[in-house]
Amino acid sequence: SFWDTETWMYPPLLGLFPDIGRSLLTYRVQRIPEAKLKALSYDPPYAGAMFPWESAASGLETCPTWADTGQLEQHISGDIVSAAELYCRSTGDTSFLIGDGLALASSVAEFLVSRVRMDDEGVAHIDNVIPPDEYATGDDSVYTNYVSKSALLFATLAAETAEPGSADPMWNTVADALLIPFDDALGIHPEYVGYAGDQIKQADVVLLGYPLNMNMSTEVRAADLAYYEPLTDDDGPAMTWGMHAVGHLELDGGVLSDKTASLFNRSFANVQAPWGVWTETPTGGAVNFLTGAGGFLQTVLYGFPGLRFDEDLLRLANPTLIEGSSHMKVRGLAYRGARFDIAFGTEVAAKSGTNAELSVTLSSRSPGGSGFVVSNEETGEAVALAAEGDSASFDFAPDASAYTIAEA
């Protein structure tokens, strides 16, 4: 198991099979002791849990010793905590948050506090790492630093939920102090301090917007996407272009652009005939490359509908139809113990006699579970869904639409 599990395969699995999402996190929780041994193996040793770059049944590092990734690609610990946070947002599982989630996040937070270097001005740095772009090694990888910041903040949330006042104050201190590199002249996030526009292997900085959900302006988001696209190796792994497509879907505002359509088509270009098997690169590499499939599925499940698990609600921002389609339907999306069918487009509308429509149907829910409220953020219209089969329908304006689903 690499970071591929939590970052690329996990989100689509969680959205449809939350029990599998829980199981994947249990695998990590059960191997915290081995992650602590890895942290201790460095000179000087680190505290807390540093998860291995490649992990198998034992939980020990299985990356070949000749590969620097096993020692230096350290963002995986933050990636694992990000998956735990996504699980909590999706399921509302407080028992996990204050139990296994806290154990996982606090162990990683202890590692991160021991890993950073604080300079004389109180700025925290993470030196000498390999970022998601595995062609590079540098200091203060913007992805590594930001996913670490997020992990520290989630550890604080979990601890304070379990017992107010129990969080280590250093978690917030380091989170606030971590350097997030930004180039004011170019208006972009440099991949790391001193990055000079070298070719990159795969999606890296563009992951800040999704799946990490960094708060940034649309101008910066657009600049990051435009800057790194031509620098990305055409022979790199398959999942990159799906993340570029998700980014451009955020910018399109519900009306599919030619750029986004092209990137989406590129996201599944590594599917090989005759059996539709994914390969890592256009010319080969790893076969049955589930990471590439995960990137593609995220584009379909989260990109086009605009789905995001916010802290206390499920958001649909500017749902967008795939090129050549008249409607789209997500069946059985799992959220807070219930499942929803979400449909939008002109074919949905034709059945109801409106010009265009988005519908949300409560297809199932746990016995005794809460009801939900579906809202149109543009108009303020809200519809309660209390029983299985209840549905909310809204006029759908593709260029100005945002909807939320929240527990009642």
Protein backbone atom coordinates (compact mmCIF):
# COMPACT_ATOMS: atom_id res chain seq x y z
CA SER A 1 0.00 0.00 0.00
CA PHE A 2 1.41 3.38 -1.10
CA TRP A 3 -0.17 6.83 -0.84
CA ASP A 4 -2.06 5.60 -3.89
CA THR A 5 -4.54 3.90 -1.56
CA GLU A 6 -5.58 6.92 0.51
CA THR A 7 -5.17 9.63 -2.12
CA TRP A 8 -6.29 7.97 -5.35
CA MET A 9 -8.38 4.88 -4.60
CA TYR A 10 -9.95 5.89 -1.29
CA PRO A 11 -12.32 8.77 -2.22
CA PRO A 12 -14.45 6.86 -4.77
CA LEU A 13 -14.55 3.80 -2.50
CA LEU A 14 -15.65 5.92 0.45
CA GLY A 15 -18.39 7.63 -1.54
CA LEU A 16 -20.01 4.32 -2.46
CA PHE A 17 -18.71 1.78 0.09
CA PRO A 18 -18.03 3.52 3.42
CA ASP A 19 -17.48 0.18 5.18
CA ILE A 20 -14.50 -0.42 2.90
CA GLY A 21 -13.30 3.08 3.70
CA ARG A 22 -13.42 2.23 7.40
CA SER A 23 -11.59 -1.04 6.81
CA LEU A 24 -8.73 0.67 4.96
CA LEU A 25 -8.25 3.03 7.89
CA THR A 26 -8.30 0.11 10.33
CA TYR A 27 -5.37 -1.36 8.40
CA ARG A 28 -3.38 1.79 9.15
CA VAL A 29 -4.48 2.06 12.78
CA GLN A 30 -3.41 -1.51 13.48
CA ARG A 31 0.07 -0.70 12.14
CA ILE A 32 0.75 2.42 14.19
CA PRO A 33 3.37 0.53 16.29
CA GLU A 34 5.34 -0.31 13.15
CA ALA A 35 5.05 3.29 11.94
CA LYS A 36 6.56 4.40 15.25
CA LEU A 37 9.46 2.01 14.69
CA LYS A 38 10.10 3.61 11.31
CA ALA A 39 10.20 7.06 12.91
CA LEU A 40 12.75 5.80 15.43
CA SER A 41 14.96 4.36 12.67
CA TYR A 42 16.18 7.83 11.58
CA ASP A 43 19.27 9.56 12.95
CA PRO A 44 18.33 11.50 14.95
CA PRO A 45 15.12 9.57 15.63
CA TYR A 46 11.69 11.12 15.22
CA ALA A 47 8.75 10.78 17.60
CA GLY A 48 5.29 9.50 16.76
CA ALA A 49 4.18 7.48 13.75
CA MET A 50 5.89 7.84 10.38
CA PHE A 51 4.09 5.52 7.99
CA PRO A 52 6.17 3.61 5.45
CA TRP A 53 6.14 4.61 1.80
CA GLU A 54 5.42 0.99 0.86
CA SER A 55 3.51 -1.13 3.37
CA ALA A 56 2.29 -4.71 3.35
CA ALA A 57 1.01 -7.14 6.00
CA SER A 58 3.75 -6.39 8.52
CA GLY A 59 3.38 -2.61 8.43
CA LEU A 60 7.14 -2.27 8.09
CA GLU A 61 8.83 -0.40 5.25
CA THR A 62 8.91 -2.64 2.17
CA CYS A 63 10.28 -0.07 -0.28
CA PRO A 64 13.55 -1.33 -1.83
CA THR A 65 16.55 0.24 -0.11
CA TRP A 66 17.90 1.53 -3.42
CA ALA A 67 14.86 3.79 -3.82
CA ASP A 68 15.07 7.13 -2.01
CA THR A 69 11.27 7.30 -1.85
CA GLY A 70 11.27 4.91 1.12
CA GLN A 71 13.26 7.41 3.16
CA LEU A 72 12.24 10.77 1.74
CA GLU A 73 8.68 10.62 0.38
CA GLN A 74 7.10 11.41 3.71
CA HIS A 75 3.82 13.06 2.75
CA ILE A 76 2.12 9.66 3.06
CA SER A 77 1.54 10.13 6.79
CA GLY A 78 -0.42 13.30 6.11
CA ASP A 79 -2.25 11.58 3.25
CA ILE A 80 -3.45 8.87 5.62
CA VAL A 81 -4.77 11.43 8.10
CA SER A 82 -6.51 13.26 5.24
CA ALA A 83 -8.34 10.03 4.41
CA ALA A 84 -9.40 9.72 8.05
CA GLU A 85 -10.73 13.28 8.00
CA LEU A 86 -12.63 12.62 4.78
CA TYR A 87 -14.16 9.51 6.37
CA CYS A 88 -15.34 11.53 9.38
CA ARG A 89 -16.85 14.23 7.21
CA SER A 90 -18.62 11.70 5.03
CA THR A 91 -19.96 9.41 7.74
CA GLY A 92 -20.25 11.62 10.80
CA ASP A 93 -18.73 8.71 12.75
CA THR A 94 -17.88 10.43 16.03
CA SER A 95 -16.87 7.16 17.71
CA PHE A 96 -14.16 6.75 15.08
CA LEU A 97 -13.14 10.41 15.37
CA ILE A 98 -12.48 10.22 19.11
CA GLY A 99 -11.16 6.64 18.99
CA ASP A 100 -9.13 5.24 16.13
CA GLY A 101 -9.16 8.56 14.29
CA LEU A 102 -7.59 10.32 17.25
CA ALA A 103 -5.03 7.54 17.71
CA LEU A 104 -4.04 7.81 14.06
CA ALA A 105 -3.98 11.60 13.80
CA SER A 106 -2.25 12.23 17.13
CA SER A 107 0.50 9.73 16.35
CA VAL A 108 1.15 11.43 13.01
CA ALA A 109 0.99 14.87 14.64
CA GLU A 110 3.69 13.82 17.11
CA PHE A 111 5.87 12.78 14.19
CA LEU A 112 5.31 16.03 12.32
CA VAL A 113 6.16 18.17 15.36
CA SER A 114 9.44 16.28 15.71
CA ARG A 115 10.11 16.38 11.96
CA VAL A 116 9.89 20.12 11.33
CA ARG A 117 12.74 22.59 11.66
CA MET A 118 11.80 25.89 13.29
CA ASP A 119 13.91 28.82 12.11
CA ASP A 120 14.85 31.92 14.10
CA GLU A 121 11.77 33.74 12.84
CA GLY A 122 9.39 31.03 14.02
CA VAL A 123 8.70 29.59 10.56
CA ALA A 124 8.43 25.80 10.35
CA HIS A 125 10.16 23.92 7.54
CA ILE A 126 10.23 20.31 6.36
CA ASP A 127 13.57 19.84 4.66
CA ASN A 128 14.85 17.24 2.21
CA VAL A 129 11.74 15.46 0.98
CA ILE A 130 10.50 13.91 -2.24
CA PRO A 131 7.14 15.46 -3.15
CA PRO A 132 4.43 13.73 -5.21
CA ASP A 133 6.56 14.75 -8.20
CA GLU A 134 9.08 11.97 -7.74
CA TYR A 135 11.54 13.54 -10.17
CA ALA A 136 12.41 16.07 -7.46
CA THR A 137 13.94 16.35 -4.01
CA GLY A 138 13.76 19.63 -2.15
CA ASP A 139 12.90 21.62 0.94
CA ASP A 140 9.40 22.74 1.87
CA SER A 141 7.40 20.84 -0.71
CA VAL A 142 4.19 22.85 -0.83
CA TYR A 143 2.10 19.67 -1.03
CA THR A 144 3.97 17.98 1.84
CA ASN A 145 3.76 21.06 4.03
CA TYR A 146 0.08 21.68 3.37
CA VAL A 147 -1.03 18.08 3.90
CA SER A 148 1.02 18.11 7.12
CA LYS A 149 -0.69 21.33 8.23
CA SER A 150 -4.08 19.73 7.58
CA ALA A 151 -3.10 16.62 9.55
CA LEU A 152 -2.03 18.69 12.55
CA LEU A 153 -5.30 20.63 12.52
CA PHE A 154 -7.36 17.45 12.28
CA ALA A 155 -5.44 15.94 15.20
CA THR A 156 -6.38 19.01 17.23
CA LEU A 157 -10.04 18.68 16.21
CA ALA A 158 -10.12 14.99 17.16
CA ALA A 159 -8.47 15.57 20.53
CA GLU A 160 -10.68 18.54 21.43
CA THR A 161 -13.79 16.58 20.45
CA ALA A 162 -12.71 13.69 22.66
CA GLU A 163 -11.70 15.88 25.60
CA PRO A 164 -11.67 19.68 25.47
CA GLY A 165 -8.26 21.06 26.33
CA SER A 166 -6.43 17.80 25.64
CA ALA A 167 -4.79 18.69 22.31
CA ASP A 168 -1.06 19.32 22.34
CA PRO A 169 -0.74 23.09 21.72
CA MET A 170 2.32 22.41 19.55
CA TRP A 171 0.06 20.86 16.91
CA ASN A 172 -1.62 24.19 16.22
CA THR A 173 1.63 26.10 16.67
CA VAL A 174 3.42 24.06 14.02
CA ALA A 175 0.39 24.04 11.71
CA ASP A 176 0.26 27.84 11.81
CA ALA A 177 4.03 28.14 11.36
CA LEU A 178 4.50 25.77 8.41
CA LEU A 179 5.76 27.55 5.32
CA ILE A 180 3.39 27.34 2.35
CA PRO A 181 5.59 28.57 -0.53
CA PHE A 182 4.07 31.11 -2.91
CA ASP A 183 5.63 33.02 -5.81
CA ASP A 184 4.14 36.52 -5.86
CA ALA A 185 5.71 37.35 -9.23
CA LEU A 186 4.21 34.34 -11.02
CA GLY A 187 1.08 34.13 -8.89
CA ILE A 188 1.58 30.39 -8.31
CA HIS A 189 2.56 27.92 -5.63
CA PRO A 190 6.10 26.72 -6.44
CA GLU A 191 6.45 22.99 -5.99
CA TYR A 192 9.15 23.54 -3.36
CA VAL A 193 11.51 26.31 -2.30
CA GLY A 194 13.82 27.03 -5.22
CA TYR A 195 11.73 25.23 -7.83
CA ALA A 196 12.79 26.52 -11.24
CA GLY A 197 10.24 25.14 -13.68
CA ASP A 198 11.72 21.67 -14.17
CA GLN A 199 9.70 18.89 -15.75
CA ILE A 200 7.49 17.10 -13.21
CA LYS A 201 6.41 13.48 -13.12
CA GLN A 202 2.76 13.84 -12.14
CA ALA A 203 0.10 15.92 -10.42
CA ASP A 204 1.58 17.66 -7.40
CA VAL A 205 0.78 21.33 -6.78
CA VAL A 206 -2.58 20.99 -8.55
CA LEU A 207 -3.64 18.62 -5.75
CA LEU A 208 -3.78 21.56 -3.34
CA GLY A 209 -7.15 22.62 -4.76
CA TYR A 210 -8.49 19.08 -4.90
CA PRO A 211 -8.37 16.79 -2.98
CA LEU A 212 -6.71 18.94 -0.29
CA ASN A 213 -9.29 21.75 -0.66
CA MET A 214 -6.85 24.57 0.08
CA ASN A 215 -8.61 27.91 0.31
CA MET A 216 -7.26 29.95 -2.61
CA SER A 217 -8.56 32.44 -5.13
CA THR A 218 -9.82 31.30 -8.51
CA GLU A 219 -6.96 33.30 -10.05
CA VAL A 220 -4.33 31.31 -8.16
CA ARG A 221 -6.10 28.02 -8.84
CA ALA A 222 -6.17 28.82 -12.55
CA ALA A 223 -2.54 29.94 -12.52
CA ASP A 224 -1.37 26.72 -10.83
CA LEU A 225 -3.21 24.60 -13.38
CA ALA A 226 -1.92 26.59 -16.35
CA TYR A 227 1.66 26.68 -15.09
CA TYR A 228 2.10 22.99 -14.33
CA GLU A 229 0.19 21.41 -17.21
CA PRO A 230 2.93 21.95 -19.85
CA LEU A 231 5.63 20.97 -17.34
CA THR A 232 4.08 17.56 -16.67
CA ASP A 233 5.69 14.54 -18.34
CA ASP A 234 3.40 13.22 -21.09
CA ASP A 235 4.65 9.73 -20.24
CA GLY A 236 3.80 10.06 -16.55
CA PRO A 237 1.15 8.17 -14.54
CA ALA A 238 -2.47 8.11 -15.62
CA MET A 239 -4.15 9.87 -12.72
CA THR A 240 -2.66 13.31 -13.33
CA TRP A 241 -5.05 14.51 -16.02
CA GLY A 242 -8.14 13.66 -14.03
CA MET A 243 -6.96 16.06 -11.34
CA HIS A 244 -6.39 18.77 -13.93
CA ALA A 245 -9.92 18.11 -15.19
CA VAL A 246 -11.34 18.46 -11.66
CA GLY A 247 -9.51 21.76 -11.29
CA HIS A 248 -10.88 23.11 -14.55
CA LEU A 249 -14.38 21.92 -13.65
CA GLU A 250 -14.12 24.14 -10.57
CA LEU A 251 -13.25 27.06 -12.83
CA ASP A 252 -15.81 26.31 -15.56
CA GLY A 253 -18.73 27.27 -13.34
CA GLY A 254 -21.02 24.52 -14.60
CA VAL A 255 -20.49 25.05 -18.34
CA LEU A 256 -18.04 22.49 -19.72
CA SER A 257 -15.09 24.07 -21.52
CA ASP A 258 -13.19 22.49 -24.38
CA LYS A 259 -10.09 22.43 -22.15
CA THR A 260 -11.87 20.42 -19.46
CA ALA A 261 -13.38 18.00 -21.98
CA SER A 262 -9.93 17.41 -23.47
CA LEU A 263 -8.35 16.79 -20.07
CA PHE A 264 -11.12 14.39 -19.07
CA ASN A 265 -10.63 12.39 -22.27
CA ARG A 266 -6.93 12.32 -21.55
CA SER A 267 -7.60 10.96 -18.05
CA PHE A 268 -8.55 7.54 -19.39
CA ALA A 269 -6.13 7.40 -22.33
CA ASN A 270 -4.11 4.70 -20.54
CA VAL A 271 -6.92 2.16 -20.73
CA GLN A 272 -5.54 -0.56 -22.97
CA ALA A 273 -7.41 -2.72 -25.49
CA PRO A 274 -8.78 -5.31 -25.75
CA TRP A 275 -9.80 -5.75 -22.09
CA GLY A 276 -9.83 -2.17 -20.86
CA VAL A 277 -6.96 -2.71 -18.42
CA TRP A 278 -5.27 0.39 -17.00
CA THR A 279 -1.53 0.83 -17.37
CA GLU A 280 0.54 3.29 -15.38
CA THR A 281 1.82 5.18 -18.42
CA PRO A 282 0.69 5.40 -22.06
CA THR A 283 3.40 2.91 -23.03
CA GLY A 284 3.36 0.49 -20.10
CA GLY A 285 4.57 0.56 -16.51
CA ALA A 286 2.47 -1.07 -13.81
CA VAL A 287 -0.40 -3.15 -15.19
CA ASN A 288 -3.95 -3.02 -13.80
CA PHE A 289 -3.00 0.39 -12.44
CA LEU A 290 -5.77 1.05 -9.93
CA THR A 291 -4.31 4.44 -9.10
CA GLY A 292 -5.19 5.63 -12.60
CA ALA A 293 -8.66 4.15 -12.28
CA GLY A 294 -9.06 5.94 -8.95
CA GLY A 295 -8.14 9.29 -10.48
CA PHE A 296 -10.64 8.75 -13.28
CA LEU A 297 -13.40 7.73 -10.86
CA GLN A 298 -12.78 10.81 -8.74
CA THR A 299 -13.26 12.96 -11.82
CA VAL A 300 -16.60 11.28 -12.51
CA LEU A 301 -17.90 11.03 -8.94
CA TYR A 302 -16.56 14.27 -7.46
CA GLY A 303 -15.50 16.40 -10.42
CA PHE A 304 -18.54 16.58 -12.68
CA PRO A 305 -21.21 16.67 -9.93
CA GLY A 306 -19.01 19.07 -7.94
CA LEU A 307 -19.32 16.92 -4.82
CA ARG A 308 -17.32 17.89 -1.74
CA PHE A 309 -17.63 16.65 1.84
CA ASP A 310 -17.48 19.84 3.91
CA GLU A 311 -17.28 19.71 7.67
CA ASP A 312 -21.03 19.51 8.30
CA LEU A 313 -22.63 19.15 4.89
CA LEU A 314 -22.33 17.65 1.44
CA ARG A 315 -21.91 20.29 -1.25
CA LEU A 316 -22.68 20.13 -4.97
CA ALA A 317 -21.00 23.09 -6.62
CA ASN A 318 -21.85 23.83 -10.26
CA PRO A 319 -22.73 20.29 -11.43
CA THR A 320 -21.50 19.86 -15.00
CA LEU A 321 -22.55 17.42 -17.69
CA ILE A 322 -19.98 15.22 -19.41
CA GLU A 323 -19.45 16.13 -23.05
CA GLY A 324 -22.19 14.72 -25.26
CA SER A 325 -24.51 13.79 -22.39
CA SER A 326 -27.97 15.12 -21.57
CA HIS A 327 -28.08 14.04 -17.93
CA MET A 328 -26.00 12.50 -15.19
CA LYS A 329 -27.04 10.40 -12.21
CA VAL A 330 -25.05 9.30 -9.19
CA ARG A 331 -26.80 6.34 -7.58
CA GLY A 332 -26.40 5.37 -3.95
CA LEU A 333 -23.96 8.04 -2.79
CA ALA A 334 -23.31 7.34 0.89
CA TYR A 335 -23.52 10.23 3.35
CA ARG A 336 -24.15 10.22 7.10
CA GLY A 337 -25.78 6.80 7.27
CA ALA A 338 -28.00 7.37 4.24
CA ARG A 339 -27.78 6.94 0.50
CA PHE A 340 -28.79 9.45 -2.12
CA ASP A 341 -29.52 9.39 -5.82
CA ILE A 342 -28.45 12.67 -7.39
CA ALA A 343 -29.46 13.50 -10.96
CA PHE A 344 -29.17 16.61 -13.09
CA GLY A 345 -29.59 17.66 -16.69
CA THR A 346 -32.14 18.12 -19.46
CA GLU A 347 -33.39 14.52 -19.57
CA VAL A 348 -34.24 14.71 -15.87
CA ALA A 349 -36.14 17.90 -16.63
CA ALA A 350 -38.06 16.38 -19.53
CA LYS A 351 -39.68 13.91 -17.16
CA SER A 352 -40.96 16.68 -14.92
CA GLY A 353 -41.84 19.26 -17.56
CA THR A 354 -39.28 21.87 -16.46
CA ASN A 355 -36.53 23.36 -18.57
CA ALA A 356 -33.73 21.90 -16.52
CA GLU A 357 -33.62 20.20 -13.15
CA LEU A 358 -31.50 18.78 -10.38
CA SER A 359 -33.06 16.16 -8.13
CA VAL A 360 -31.88 14.57 -4.90
CA THR A 361 -33.65 11.43 -3.67
CA LEU A 362 -33.18 9.80 -0.28
CA SER A 363 -32.92 6.22 -1.48
CA SER A 364 -32.16 4.62 1.91
CA ARG A 365 -31.16 5.49 5.43
CA SER A 366 -30.18 3.74 8.64
CA PRO A 367 -33.03 2.77 10.98
CA GLY A 368 -33.65 5.67 13.31
CA GLY A 369 -31.34 7.89 11.31
CA SER A 370 -31.86 11.61 10.97
CA GLY A 371 -33.66 13.36 8.18
CA PHE A 372 -31.94 15.71 5.76
CA VAL A 373 -32.43 19.13 4.23
CA VAL A 374 -31.48 19.82 0.62
CA SER A 375 -30.92 23.48 -0.20
CA ASN A 376 -30.33 25.61 -3.26
CA GLU A 377 -27.72 28.12 -2.12
CA GLU A 378 -28.56 30.55 -4.92
CA THR A 379 -32.28 30.87 -4.17
CA GLY A 380 -32.43 29.82 -0.52
CA GLU A 381 -35.05 27.18 -1.34
CA ALA A 382 -34.88 24.20 1.02
CA VAL A 383 -36.66 20.83 0.96
CA ALA A 384 -36.77 18.31 3.81
CA LEU A 385 -36.20 14.62 3.13
CA ALA A 386 -37.57 12.57 6.00
CA ALA A 387 -38.47 9.17 4.57
CA GLU A 388 -36.98 6.80 2.04
CA GLY A 389 -38.13 7.81 -1.40
CA ASP A 390 -38.50 11.50 -0.55
CA SER A 391 -37.10 13.72 -3.27
CA ALA A 392 -36.16 17.36 -3.74
CA SER A 393 -36.16 18.97 -7.19
CA PHE A 394 -34.79 22.34 -8.24
CA ASP A 395 -34.60 24.34 -11.41
CA PHE A 396 -31.08 23.79 -12.66
CA ALA A 397 -29.05 26.69 -14.05
CA PRO A 398 -25.70 25.18 -15.02
CA ASP A 399 -23.78 28.44 -14.79
CA ALA A 400 -25.08 29.43 -11.34
CA SER A 401 -25.90 26.48 -9.15
CA ALA A 402 -24.78 25.30 -5.74
CA TYR A 403 -26.65 22.85 -3.57
CA THR A 404 -26.11 21.36 -0.14
CA ILE A 405 -27.30 18.28 1.73
CA ALA A 406 -27.22 18.49 5.51
CA GLU A 407 -28.61 16.54 8.43
CA ALA A 408 -31.83 18.04 9.74
